């Protein structure tokens, strides 16, 4: 569990410091109540999912710009078929699958 990552993602308006990587090193500087270790542990699965999802999204966007966007414009000019473009989009999706959602039992 990455406490700093959880705090950054789930408590973005809070101020804190973390000495080391354990909960005992957490100094809470905000006026809001300090989250308990159990609360942080409860957020961890969602934070991991969000991080993985964002990484896949960045990878897909980069690949779309390199491969599928040029095909789309080529398709618009009539230089290739719509199916070629759609196949390329699907290939990017297949190569970069989203993580299994938390609700699906990951």
PDB file of N, CA and C in Angstrom:
ATOM      1  N   UNK A   1       0.846  -1.181   0.000  1.00  0.00           N
ATOM      2  CA  UNK A   1       0.000   0.000   0.000  1.00  0.00           C
ATOM      3  C   UNK A   1       0.889   1.241   0.000  1.00  0.00           C
ATOM      4  N   UNK A   2       0.565   2.187  -0.872  1.00  0.00           N
ATOM      5  CA  UNK A   2       1.321   3.428  -0.994  1.00  0.00           C
ATOM      6  C   UNK A   2       0.515   4.554  -0.353  1.00  0.00           C
ATOM      7  N   UNK A   3       0.848   4.880   0.883  1.00  0.00           N
ATOM      8  CA  UNK A   3       0.091   5.870   1.646  1.00  0.00           C
ATOM      9  C   UNK A   3       0.125   7.232   0.957  1.00  0.00           C
ATOM     10  N   UNK A   4       1.281   7.645   0.466  1.00  0.00           N
ATOM     11  CA  UNK A   4       1.391   8.947  -0.197  1.00  0.00           C
ATOM     12  C   UNK A   4       0.489   9.010  -1.427  1.00  0.00           C
ATOM     13  N   UNK A   5       0.437   7.946  -2.186  1.00  0.00           N
ATOM     14  CA  UNK A   5      -0.406   7.911  -3.384  1.00  0.00           C
ATOM     15  C   UNK A   5      -1.885   8.000  -3.001  1.00  0.00           C
ATOM     16  N   UNK A   6      -2.271   7.306  -1.949  1.00  0.00           N
ATOM     17  CA  UNK A   6      -3.661   7.362  -1.487  1.00  0.00           C
ATOM     18  C   UNK A   6      -4.003   8.774  -1.034  1.00  0.00           C
ATOM     19  N   UNK A   7      -3.144   9.355  -0.216  1.00  0.00           N
ATOM     20  CA  UNK A   7      -3.413  10.699   0.301  1.00  0.00           C
ATOM     21  C   UNK A   7      -3.477  11.724  -0.827  1.00  0.00           C
ATOM     22  N   UNK A   8      -2.589  11.609  -1.789  1.00  0.00           N
ATOM     23  CA  UNK A   8      -2.585  12.544  -2.915  1.00  0.00           C
ATOM     24  C   UNK A   8      -3.858  12.420  -3.748  1.00  0.00           C
ATOM     25  N   UNK A   9      -4.317  11.198  -3.943  1.00  0.00           N
ATOM     26  CA  UNK A   9      -5.494  10.971  -4.771  1.00  0.00           C
ATOM     27  C   UNK A   9      -6.815  11.192  -4.075  1.00  0.00           C
ATOM     28  N   UNK A  10      -6.908  10.789  -2.822  1.00  0.00           N
ATOM     29  CA  UNK A  10      -8.190  10.822  -2.124  1.00  0.00           C
ATOM     30  C   UNK A  10      -8.360  12.016  -1.179  1.00  0.00           C
ATOM     31  N   UNK A  11      -7.269  12.683  -0.878  1.00  0.00           N
ATOM     32  CA  UNK A  11      -7.315  13.838   0.031  1.00  0.00           C
ATOM     33  C   UNK A  11      -6.519  14.990  -0.587  1.00  0.00           C
ATOM     34  N   UNK A  12      -6.903  15.419  -1.810  1.00  0.00           N
ATOM     35  CA  UNK A  12      -6.072  16.379  -2.552  1.00  0.00           C
ATOM     36  C   UNK A  12      -5.972  17.764  -1.906  1.00  0.00           C
ATOM     37  N   UNK A  13      -6.937  18.141  -1.102  1.00  0.00           N
ATOM     38  CA  UNK A  13      -6.919  19.469  -0.489  1.00  0.00           C
ATOM     39  C   UNK A  13      -6.333  19.454   0.910  1.00  0.00           C
ATOM     40  N   UNK A  14      -5.851  18.327   1.352  1.00  0.00           N
ATOM     41  CA  UNK A  14      -5.295  18.195   2.698  1.00  0.00           C
ATOM     42  C   UNK A  14      -3.793  18.415   2.677  1.00  0.00           C
ATOM     43  N   UNK A  15      -3.289  18.855   3.834  1.00  0.00           N
ATOM     44  CA  UNK A  15      -1.851  19.032   3.983  1.00  0.00           C
ATOM     45  C   UNK A  15      -1.338  17.995   4.966  1.00  0.00           C
ATOM     46  N   UNK A  16      -0.210  17.392   4.612  1.00  0.00           N
ATOM     47  CA  UNK A  16       0.363  16.329   5.424  1.00  0.00           C
ATOM     48  C   UNK A  16       1.821  16.142   5.047  1.00  0.00           C
ATOM     49  N   UNK A  17       2.550  15.452   5.886  1.00  0.00           N
ATOM     50  CA  UNK A  17       3.900  15.002   5.563  1.00  0.00           C
ATOM     51  C   UNK A  17       3.967  13.522   5.911  1.00  0.00           C
ATOM     52  N   UNK A  18       4.882  12.845   5.260  1.00  0.00           N
ATOM     53  CA  UNK A  18       5.040  11.419   5.512  1.00  0.00           C
ATOM     54  C   UNK A  18       6.523  11.101   5.605  1.00  0.00           C
ATOM     55  N   UNK A  19       6.944  10.688   6.780  1.00  0.00           N
ATOM     56  CA  UNK A  19       8.331  10.259   6.986  1.00  0.00           C
ATOM     57  C   UNK A  19       8.381   8.750   6.786  1.00  0.00           C
ATOM     58  N   UNK A  20       9.037   8.325   5.742  1.00  0.00           N
ATOM     59  CA  UNK A  20       9.064   6.900   5.429  1.00  0.00           C
ATOM     60  C   UNK A  20       7.837   6.496   4.646  1.00  0.00           C
ATOM     61  N   UNK A  21       7.462   5.230   4.808  1.00  0.00           N
ATOM     62  CA  UNK A  21       6.345   4.692   4.026  1.00  0.00           C
ATOM     63  C   UNK A  21       5.245   4.104   4.896  1.00  0.00           C
ATOM     64  N   UNK A  22       5.315   4.307   6.200  1.00  0.00           N
ATOM     65  CA  UNK A  22       4.316   3.693   7.068  1.00  0.00           C
ATOM     66  C   UNK A  22       3.409   4.753   7.687  1.00  0.00           C
ATOM     67  N   UNK A  23       2.267   4.295   8.128  1.00  0.00           N
ATOM     68  CA  UNK A  23       1.268   5.178   8.711  1.00  0.00           C
ATOM     69  C   UNK A  23       1.817   5.917   9.927  1.00  0.00           C
ATOM     70  N   UNK A  24       2.708   5.289  10.654  1.00  0.00           N
ATOM     71  CA  UNK A  24       3.276   5.931  11.846  1.00  0.00           C
ATOM     72  C   UNK A  24       4.082   7.181  11.484  1.00  0.00           C
ATOM     73  N   UNK A  25       4.508   7.304  10.250  1.00  0.00           N
ATOM     74  CA  UNK A  25       5.259   8.471   9.817  1.00  0.00           C
ATOM     75  C   UNK A  25       4.394   9.603   9.286  1.00  0.00           C
ATOM     76  N   UNK A  26       3.071   9.443   9.348  1.00  0.00           N
ATOM     77  CA  UNK A  26       2.145  10.445   8.829  1.00  0.00           C
ATOM     78  C   UNK A  26       1.920  11.551   9.847  1.00  0.00           C
ATOM     79  N   UNK A  27       2.194  12.776   9.435  1.00  0.00           N
ATOM     80  CA  UNK A  27       1.869  13.955  10.237  1.00  0.00           C
ATOM     81  C   UNK A  27       0.779  14.699   9.492  1.00  0.00           C
ATOM     82  N   UNK A  28      -0.369  14.835  10.136  1.00  0.00           N
ATOM     83  CA  UNK A  28      -1.526  15.465   9.514  1.00  0.00           C
ATOM     84  C   UNK A  28      -1.523  16.941   9.863  1.00  0.00           C
ATOM     85  N   UNK A  29      -1.503  17.794   8.856  1.00  0.00           N
ATOM     86  CA  UNK A  29      -1.393  19.230   9.063  1.00  0.00           C
ATOM     87  C   UNK A  29      -2.700  19.975   8.793  1.00  0.00           C
ATOM     88  N   UNK A  30      -3.690  19.305   8.262  1.00  0.00           N
ATOM     89  CA  UNK A  30      -4.962  19.935   7.925  1.00  0.00           C
ATOM     90  C   UNK A  30      -5.888  19.982   9.127  1.00  0.00           C
ATOM     91  N   UNK A  31      -6.881  20.857   9.023  1.00  0.00           N
ATOM     92  CA  UNK A  31      -7.898  20.964  10.077  1.00  0.00           C
ATOM     93  C   UNK A  31      -8.898  19.824  10.026  1.00  0.00           C
ATOM     94  N   UNK A  32      -8.968  19.131   8.912  1.00  0.00           N
ATOM     95  CA  UNK A  32      -9.881  18.007   8.777  1.00  0.00           C
ATOM     96  C   UNK A  32      -9.359  16.824   9.577  1.00  0.00           C
ATOM     97  N   UNK A  33     -10.233  15.902   9.942  1.00  0.00           N
ATOM     98  CA  UNK A  33      -9.767  14.733  10.701  1.00  0.00           C
ATOM     99  C   UNK A  33      -8.764  13.900   9.908  1.00  0.00           C
ATOM    100  N   UNK A  34      -7.757  13.421  10.582  1.00  0.00           N
ATOM    101  CA  UNK A  34      -6.751  12.548   9.977  1.00  0.00           C
ATOM    102  C   UNK A  34      -7.403  11.208   9.648  1.00  0.00           C
ATOM    103  N   UNK A  35      -7.222  10.716   8.422  1.00  0.00           N
ATOM    104  CA  UNK A  35      -7.808   9.417   8.095  1.00  0.00           C
ATOM    105  C   UNK A  35      -7.114   8.311   8.885  1.00  0.00           C
ATOM    106  N   UNK A  36      -7.887   7.313   9.230  1.00  0.00           N
ATOM    107  CA  UNK A  36      -7.325   6.174   9.960  1.00  0.00           C
ATOM    108  C   UNK A  36      -6.600   5.260   8.973  1.00  0.00           C
ATOM    109  N   UNK A  37      -5.779   4.392   9.505  1.00  0.00           N
ATOM    110  CA  UNK A  37      -5.100   3.409   8.670  1.00  0.00           C
ATOM    111  C   UNK A  37      -6.123   2.551   7.931  1.00  0.00           C
ATOM    112  N   UNK A  38      -7.192   2.196   8.612  1.00  0.00           N
ATOM    113  CA  UNK A  38      -8.238   1.373   7.994  1.00  0.00           C
ATOM    114  C   UNK A  38      -8.899   2.109   6.835  1.00  0.00           C
ATOM    115  N   UNK A  39      -9.113   3.418   6.977  1.00  0.00           N
ATOM    116  CA  UNK A  39      -9.703   4.198   5.884  1.00  0.00           C
ATOM    117  C   UNK A  39      -8.760   4.215   4.677  1.00  0.00           C
ATOM    118  N   UNK A  40      -7.485   4.400   4.939  1.00  0.00           N
ATOM    119  CA  UNK A  40      -6.514   4.402   3.848  1.00  0.00           C
ATOM    120  C   UNK A  40      -6.468   3.042   3.166  1.00  0.00           C
ATOM    121  N   UNK A  41      -6.467   1.976   3.952  1.00  0.00           N
ATOM    122  CA  UNK A  41      -6.465   0.624   3.384  1.00  0.00           C
ATOM    123  C   UNK A  41      -7.714   0.401   2.530  1.00  0.00           C
ATOM    124  N   UNK A  42      -8.836   0.978   2.956  1.00  0.00           N
ATOM    125  CA  UNK A  42     -10.081   0.851   2.200  1.00  0.00           C
ATOM    126  C   UNK A  42     -10.038   1.552   0.846  1.00  0.00           C
ATOM    127  N   UNK A  43      -9.206   2.569   0.721  1.00  0.00           N
ATOM    128  CA  UNK A  43      -9.073   3.306  -0.540  1.00  0.00           C
ATOM    129  C   UNK A  43      -8.070   2.669  -1.495  1.00  0.00           C
ATOM    130  N   UNK A  44      -7.205   1.808  -1.008  1.00  0.00           N
ATOM    131  CA  UNK A  44      -6.073   1.330  -1.794  1.00  0.00           C
ATOM    132  C   UNK A  44      -6.477   0.645  -3.094  1.00  0.00           C
ATOM    133  N   UNK A  45      -7.450  -0.230  -3.070  1.00  0.00           N
ATOM    134  CA  UNK A  45      -7.843  -0.944  -4.288  1.00  0.00           C
ATOM    135  C   UNK A  45      -8.322   0.033  -5.364  1.00  0.00           C
ATOM    136  N   UNK A  46      -9.099   1.038  -4.965  1.00  0.00           N
ATOM    137  CA  UNK A  46      -9.588   2.019  -5.940  1.00  0.00           C
ATOM    138  C   UNK A  46      -8.447   2.863  -6.488  1.00  0.00           C
ATOM    139  N   UNK A  47      -7.507   3.247  -5.637  1.00  0.00           N
ATOM    140  CA  UNK A  47      -6.352   4.038  -6.083  1.00  0.00           C
ATOM    141  C   UNK A  47      -5.521   3.224  -7.083  1.00  0.00           C
ATOM    142  N   UNK A  48      -5.302   1.958  -6.803  1.00  0.00           N
ATOM    143  CA  UNK A  48      -4.557   1.100  -7.738  1.00  0.00           C
ATOM    144  C   UNK A  48      -5.292   1.010  -9.078  1.00  0.00           C
ATOM    145  N   UNK A  49      -6.596   0.789  -9.019  1.00  0.00           N
ATOM    146  CA  UNK A  49      -7.387   0.702 -10.245  1.00  0.00           C
ATOM    147  C   UNK A  49      -7.289   2.004 -11.036  1.00  0.00           C
ATOM    148  N   UNK A  50      -7.485   3.135 -10.363  1.00  0.00           N
ATOM    149  CA  UNK A  50      -7.438   4.438 -11.037  1.00  0.00           C
ATOM    150  C   UNK A  50      -6.083   4.665 -11.699  1.00  0.00           C
ATOM    151  N   UNK A  51      -5.015   4.298 -11.020  1.00  0.00           N
ATOM    152  CA  UNK A  51      -3.667   4.467 -11.554  1.00  0.00           C
ATOM    153  C   UNK A  51      -3.467   3.606 -12.796  1.00  0.00           C
ATOM    154  N   UNK A  52      -3.883   2.347 -12.734  1.00  0.00           N
ATOM    155  CA  UNK A  52      -3.753   1.447 -13.876  1.00  0.00           C
ATOM    156  C   UNK A  52      -4.609   1.922 -15.055  1.00  0.00           C
ATOM    157  N   UNK A  53      -5.826   2.377 -14.762  1.00  0.00           N
ATOM    158  CA  UNK A  53      -6.734   2.852 -15.797  1.00  0.00           C
ATOM    159  C   UNK A  53      -6.138   4.060 -16.514  1.00  0.00           C
ATOM    160  N   UNK A  54      -5.607   4.998 -15.742  1.00  0.00           N
ATOM    161  CA  UNK A  54      -4.996   6.193 -16.327  1.00  0.00           C
ATOM    162  C   UNK A  54      -3.785   5.840 -17.187  1.00  0.00           C
ATOM    163  N   UNK A  55      -3.005   4.860 -16.770  1.00  0.00           N
ATOM    164  CA  UNK A  55      -1.847   4.433 -17.558  1.00  0.00           C
ATOM    165  C   UNK A  55      -2.288   3.833 -18.892  1.00  0.00           C
ATOM    166  N   UNK A  56      -3.336   3.028 -18.872  1.00  0.00           N
ATOM    167  CA  UNK A  56      -3.858   2.440 -20.110  1.00  0.00           C
ATOM    168  C   UNK A  56      -4.397   3.544 -21.012  1.00  0.00           C
ATOM    169  N   UNK A  57      -5.098   4.494 -20.427  1.00  0.00           N
ATOM    170  CA  UNK A  57      -5.659   5.588 -21.217  1.00  0.00           C
ATOM    171  C   UNK A  57      -4.547   6.402 -21.898  1.00  0.00           C
ATOM    172  N   UNK A  58      -3.466   6.678 -21.173  1.00  0.00           N
ATOM    173  CA  UNK A  58      -2.337   7.410 -21.764  1.00  0.00           C
ATOM    174  C   UNK A  58      -1.699   6.595 -22.900  1.00  0.00           C
ATOM    175  N   UNK A  59      -1.546   5.300 -22.685  1.00  0.00           N
ATOM    176  CA  UNK A  59      -0.957   4.438 -23.714  1.00  0.00           C
ATOM    177  C   UNK A  59      -1.841   4.399 -24.955  1.00  0.00           C
ATOM    178  N   UNK A  60      -3.145   4.275 -24.747  1.00  0.00           N
ATOM    179  CA  UNK A  60      -4.062   4.260 -25.884  1.00  0.00           C
ATOM    180  C   UNK A  60      -4.004   5.570 -26.654  1.00  0.00           C
ATOM    181  N   UNK A  61      -4.044   6.682 -25.951  1.00  0.00           N
ATOM    182  CA  UNK A  61      -4.030   7.975 -26.629  1.00  0.00           C
ATOM    183  C   UNK A  61      -2.758   8.154 -27.444  1.00  0.00           C
ATOM    184  N   UNK A  62      -1.628   7.757 -26.896  1.00  0.00           N
ATOM    185  CA  UNK A  62      -0.365   7.867 -27.630  1.00  0.00           C
ATOM    186  C   UNK A  62      -0.393   7.000 -28.886  1.00  0.00           C
ATOM    187  N   UNK A  63      -0.913   5.789 -28.753  1.00  0.00           N
ATOM    188  CA  UNK A  63      -0.970   4.878 -29.898  1.00  0.00           C
ATOM    189  C   UNK A  63      -1.983   5.359 -30.940  1.00  0.00           C
ATOM    190  N   UNK A  64      -3.107   5.901 -30.484  1.00  0.00           N
ATOM    191  CA  UNK A  64      -4.077   6.462 -31.433  1.00  0.00           C
ATOM    192  C   UNK A  64      -3.426   7.556 -32.271  1.00  0.00           C
ATOM    193  N   UNK A  65      -2.675   8.434 -31.626  1.00  0.00           N
ATOM    194  CA  UNK A  65      -2.034   9.534 -32.358  1.00  0.00           C
ATOM    195  C   UNK A  65      -1.047   9.007 -33.393  1.00  0.00           C
ATOM    196  N   UNK A  66      -0.331   7.941 -33.042  1.00  0.00           N
ATOM    197  CA  UNK A  66       0.676   7.390 -33.958  1.00  0.00           C
ATOM    198  C   UNK A  66       0.067   6.600 -35.102  1.00  0.00           C
ATOM    199  N   UNK A  67      -0.979   5.819 -34.817  1.00  0.00           N
ATOM    200  CA  UNK A  67      -1.445   4.864 -35.820  1.00  0.00           C
ATOM    201  C   UNK A  67      -2.849   5.133 -36.351  1.00  0.00           C
ATOM    202  N   UNK A  68      -3.806   5.331 -35.484  1.00  0.00           N
ATOM    203  CA  UNK A  68      -5.189   5.400 -35.972  1.00  0.00           C
ATOM    204  C   UNK A  68      -5.579   6.774 -36.493  1.00  0.00           C
ATOM    205  N   UNK A  69      -5.040   7.846 -35.921  1.00  0.00           N
ATOM    206  CA  UNK A  69      -5.389   9.182 -36.411  1.00  0.00           C
ATOM    207  C   UNK A  69      -4.978   9.358 -37.880  1.00  0.00           C
ATOM    208  N   UNK A  70      -3.745   8.978 -38.246  1.00  0.00           N
ATOM    209  CA  UNK A  70      -3.395   9.093 -39.671  1.00  0.00           C
ATOM    210  C   UNK A  70      -4.303   8.242 -40.574  1.00  0.00           C
ATOM    211  N   UNK A  71      -4.687   7.064 -40.086  1.00  0.00           N
ATOM    212  CA  UNK A  71      -5.591   6.222 -40.880  1.00  0.00           C
ATOM    213  C   UNK A  71      -6.960   6.872 -41.033  1.00  0.00           C
ATOM    214  N   UNK A  72      -7.418   7.526 -39.985  1.00  0.00           N
ATOM    215  CA  UNK A  72      -8.718   8.194 -40.057  1.00  0.00           C
ATOM    216  C   UNK A  72      -8.697   9.288 -41.123  1.00  0.00           C
ATOM    217  N   UNK A  73      -7.647  10.108 -41.114  1.00  0.00           N
ATOM    218  CA  UNK A  73      -7.568  11.176 -42.100  1.00  0.00           C
ATOM    219  C   UNK A  73      -7.393  10.616 -43.502  1.00  0.00           C
ATOM    220  N   UNK A  74      -6.672   9.525 -43.610  1.00  0.00           N
ATOM    221  CA  UNK A  74      -6.525   8.852 -44.900  1.00  0.00           C
ATOM    222  C   UNK A  74      -7.884   8.315 -45.365  1.00  0.00           C
ATOM    223  N   UNK A  75      -8.645   7.770 -44.442  1.00  0.00           N
ATOM    224  CA  UNK A  75     -10.000   7.287 -44.754  1.00  0.00           C
ATOM    225  C   UNK A  75     -10.873   8.447 -45.222  1.00  0.00           C
ATOM    226  N   UNK A  76     -10.777   9.604 -44.556  1.00  0.00           N
ATOM    227  CA  UNK A  76     -11.580  10.762 -44.955  1.00  0.00           C
ATOM    228  C   UNK A  76     -11.238  11.221 -46.375  1.00  0.00           C
ATOM    229  N   UNK A  77      -9.973  11.082 -46.755  1.00  0.00           N
ATOM    230  CA  UNK A  77      -9.551  11.463 -48.110  1.00  0.00           C
ATOM    231  C   UNK A  77      -9.925  10.400 -49.145  1.00  0.00           C
ATOM    232  N   UNK A  78     -10.357   9.244 -48.679  1.00  0.00           N
ATOM    233  CA  UNK A  78     -10.717   8.169 -49.592  1.00  0.00           C
ATOM    234  C   UNK A  78      -9.554   7.275 -49.952  1.00  0.00           C
ATOM    235  N   UNK A  79      -8.447   7.385 -49.200  1.00  0.00           N
ATOM    236  CA  UNK A  79      -7.258   6.580 -49.495  1.00  0.00           C
ATOM    237  C   UNK A  79      -7.298   5.190 -48.869  1.00  0.00           C
ATOM    238  N   UNK A  80      -8.168   4.960 -47.936  1.00  0.00           N
ATOM    239  CA  UNK A  80      -8.369   3.623 -47.358  1.00  0.00           C
ATOM    240  C   UNK A  80      -9.802   3.510 -46.878  1.00  0.00           C
ATOM    241  N   UNK A  81     -10.158   2.358 -46.357  1.00  0.00           N
ATOM    242  CA  UNK A  81     -11.556   2.128 -45.986  1.00  0.00           C
ATOM    243  C   UNK A  81     -11.796   2.443 -44.517  1.00  0.00           C
ATOM    244  N   UNK A  82     -13.055   2.648 -44.223  1.00  0.00           N
ATOM    245  CA  UNK A  82     -13.443   2.859 -42.828  1.00  0.00           C
ATOM    246  C   UNK A  82     -13.083   1.630 -41.994  1.00  0.00           C
ATOM    247  N   UNK A  83     -13.231   0.460 -42.562  1.00  0.00           N
ATOM    248  CA  UNK A  83     -12.944  -0.772 -41.830  1.00  0.00           C
ATOM    249  C   UNK A  83     -11.470  -0.869 -41.442  1.00  0.00           C
ATOM    250  N   UNK A  84     -10.579  -0.404 -42.305  1.00  0.00           N
ATOM    251  CA  UNK A  84      -9.149  -0.405 -41.965  1.00  0.00           C
ATOM    252  C   UNK A  84      -8.894   0.463 -40.724  1.00  0.00           C
ATOM    253  N   UNK A  85      -9.526   1.607 -40.705  1.00  0.00           N
ATOM    254  CA  UNK A  85      -9.395   2.502 -39.541  1.00  0.00           C
ATOM    255  C   UNK A  85      -9.988   1.847 -38.298  1.00  0.00           C
ATOM    256  N   UNK A  86     -11.200   1.297 -38.410  1.00  0.00           N
ATOM    257  CA  UNK A  86     -11.850   0.653 -37.260  1.00  0.00           C
ATOM    258  C   UNK A  86     -11.037  -0.534 -36.750  1.00  0.00           C
ATOM    259  N   UNK A  87     -10.454  -1.297 -37.660  1.00  0.00           N
ATOM    260  CA  UNK A  87      -9.607  -2.426 -37.254  1.00  0.00           C
ATOM    261  C   UNK A  87      -8.387  -1.946 -36.481  1.00  0.00           C
ATOM    262  N   UNK A  88      -7.804  -0.833 -36.916  1.00  0.00           N
ATOM    263  CA  UNK A  88      -6.639  -0.274 -36.221  1.00  0.00           C
ATOM    264  C   UNK A  88      -7.026   0.211 -34.826  1.00  0.00           C
ATOM    265  N   UNK A  89      -8.180   0.835 -34.703  1.00  0.00           N
ATOM    266  CA  UNK A  89      -8.665   1.272 -33.387  1.00  0.00           C
ATOM    267  C   UNK A  89      -8.849   0.067 -32.476  1.00  0.00           C
ATOM    268  N   UNK A  90      -9.454  -0.978 -32.995  1.00  0.00           N
ATOM    269  CA  UNK A  90      -9.668  -2.187 -32.180  1.00  0.00           C
ATOM    270  C   UNK A  90      -8.346  -2.827 -31.788  1.00  0.00           C
ATOM    271  N   UNK A  91      -7.363  -2.795 -32.676  1.00  0.00           N
ATOM    272  CA  UNK A  91      -6.049  -3.362 -32.355  1.00  0.00           C
ATOM    273  C   UNK A  91      -5.400  -2.608 -31.196  1.00  0.00           C
ATOM    274  N   UNK A  92      -5.556  -1.291 -31.160  1.00  0.00           N
ATOM    275  CA  UNK A  92      -5.021  -0.500 -30.038  1.00  0.00           C
ATOM    276  C   UNK A  92      -5.730  -0.890 -28.748  1.00  0.00           C
ATOM    277  N   UNK A  93      -7.038  -1.022 -28.812  1.00  0.00           N
ATOM    278  CA  UNK A  93      -7.805  -1.415 -27.620  1.00  0.00           C
ATOM    279  C   UNK A  93      -7.404  -2.811 -27.146  1.00  0.00           C
ATOM    280  N   UNK A  94      -7.226  -3.726 -28.083  1.00  0.00           N
ATOM    281  CA  UNK A  94      -6.840  -5.089 -27.719  1.00  0.00           C
ATOM    282  C   UNK A  94      -5.447  -5.143 -27.092  1.00  0.00           C
ATOM    283  N   UNK A  95      -4.547  -4.297 -27.581  1.00  0.00           N
ATOM    284  CA  UNK A  95      -3.177  -4.283 -27.071  1.00  0.00           C
ATOM    285  C   UNK A  95      -3.065  -3.563 -25.731  1.00  0.00           C
ATOM    286  N   UNK A  96      -4.065  -2.753 -25.407  1.00  0.00           N
ATOM    287  CA  UNK A  96      -4.047  -1.959 -24.177  1.00  0.00           C
ATOM    288  C   UNK A  96      -5.380  -2.101 -23.447  1.00  0.00           C
ATOM    289  N   UNK A  97      -5.656  -3.279 -22.881  1.00  0.00           N
ATOM    290  CA  UNK A  97      -6.952  -3.477 -22.223  1.00  0.00           C
ATOM    291  C   UNK A  97      -7.021  -2.733 -20.886  1.00  0.00           C
ATOM    292  N   UNK A  98      -8.203  -2.262 -20.566  1.00  0.00           N
ATOM    293  CA  UNK A  98      -8.407  -1.623 -19.273  1.00  0.00           C
ATOM    294  C   UNK A  98      -8.322  -2.678 -18.170  1.00  0.00           C
ATOM    295  N   UNK A  99      -7.911  -2.258 -16.971  1.00  0.00           N
ATOM    296  CA  UNK A  99      -7.878  -3.229 -15.868  1.00  0.00           C
ATOM    297  C   UNK A  99      -9.290  -3.671 -15.504  1.00  0.00           C
ATOM    298  N   UNK A 100      -9.364  -4.821 -14.908  1.00  0.00           N
ATOM    299  CA  UNK A 100     -10.651  -5.339 -14.442  1.00  0.00           C
ATOM    300  C   UNK A 100     -11.146  -4.441 -13.323  1.00  0.00           C
ATOM    301  N   UNK A 101     -12.415  -4.051 -13.391  1.00  0.00           N
ATOM    302  CA  UNK A 101     -12.948  -3.157 -12.365  1.00  0.00           C
ATOM    303  C   UNK A 101     -13.007  -3.864 -11.021  1.00  0.00           C
ATOM    304  N   UNK A 102     -13.020  -3.065  -9.985  1.00  0.00           N
ATOM    305  CA  UNK A 102     -13.079  -3.591  -8.624  1.00  0.00           C
ATOM    306  C   UNK A 102     -14.353  -4.397  -8.422  1.00  0.00           C
ATOM    307  N   UNK A 103     -15.446  -3.947  -9.040  1.00  0.00           N
ATOM    308  CA  UNK A 103     -16.733  -4.645  -8.910  1.00  0.00           C
ATOM    309  C   UNK A 103     -16.707  -6.015  -9.568  1.00  0.00           C
ATOM    310  N   UNK A 104     -15.784  -6.219 -10.508  1.00  0.00           N
ATOM    311  CA  UNK A 104     -15.687  -7.502 -11.200  1.00  0.00           C
ATOM    312  C   UNK A 104     -14.820  -8.491 -10.439  1.00  0.00           C
ATOM    313  N   UNK A 105     -14.359  -8.090  -9.253  1.00  0.00           N
ATOM    314  CA  UNK A 105     -13.633  -9.034  -8.429  1.00  0.00           C
ATOM    315  C   UNK A 105     -12.137  -9.003  -8.566  1.00  0.00           C
ATOM    316  N   UNK A 106     -11.573  -7.895  -9.048  1.00  0.00           N
ATOM    317  CA  UNK A 106     -10.118  -7.823  -9.186  1.00  0.00           C
ATOM    318  C   UNK A 106      -9.445  -7.674  -7.841  1.00  0.00           C
TER     319      UNK A 106
END
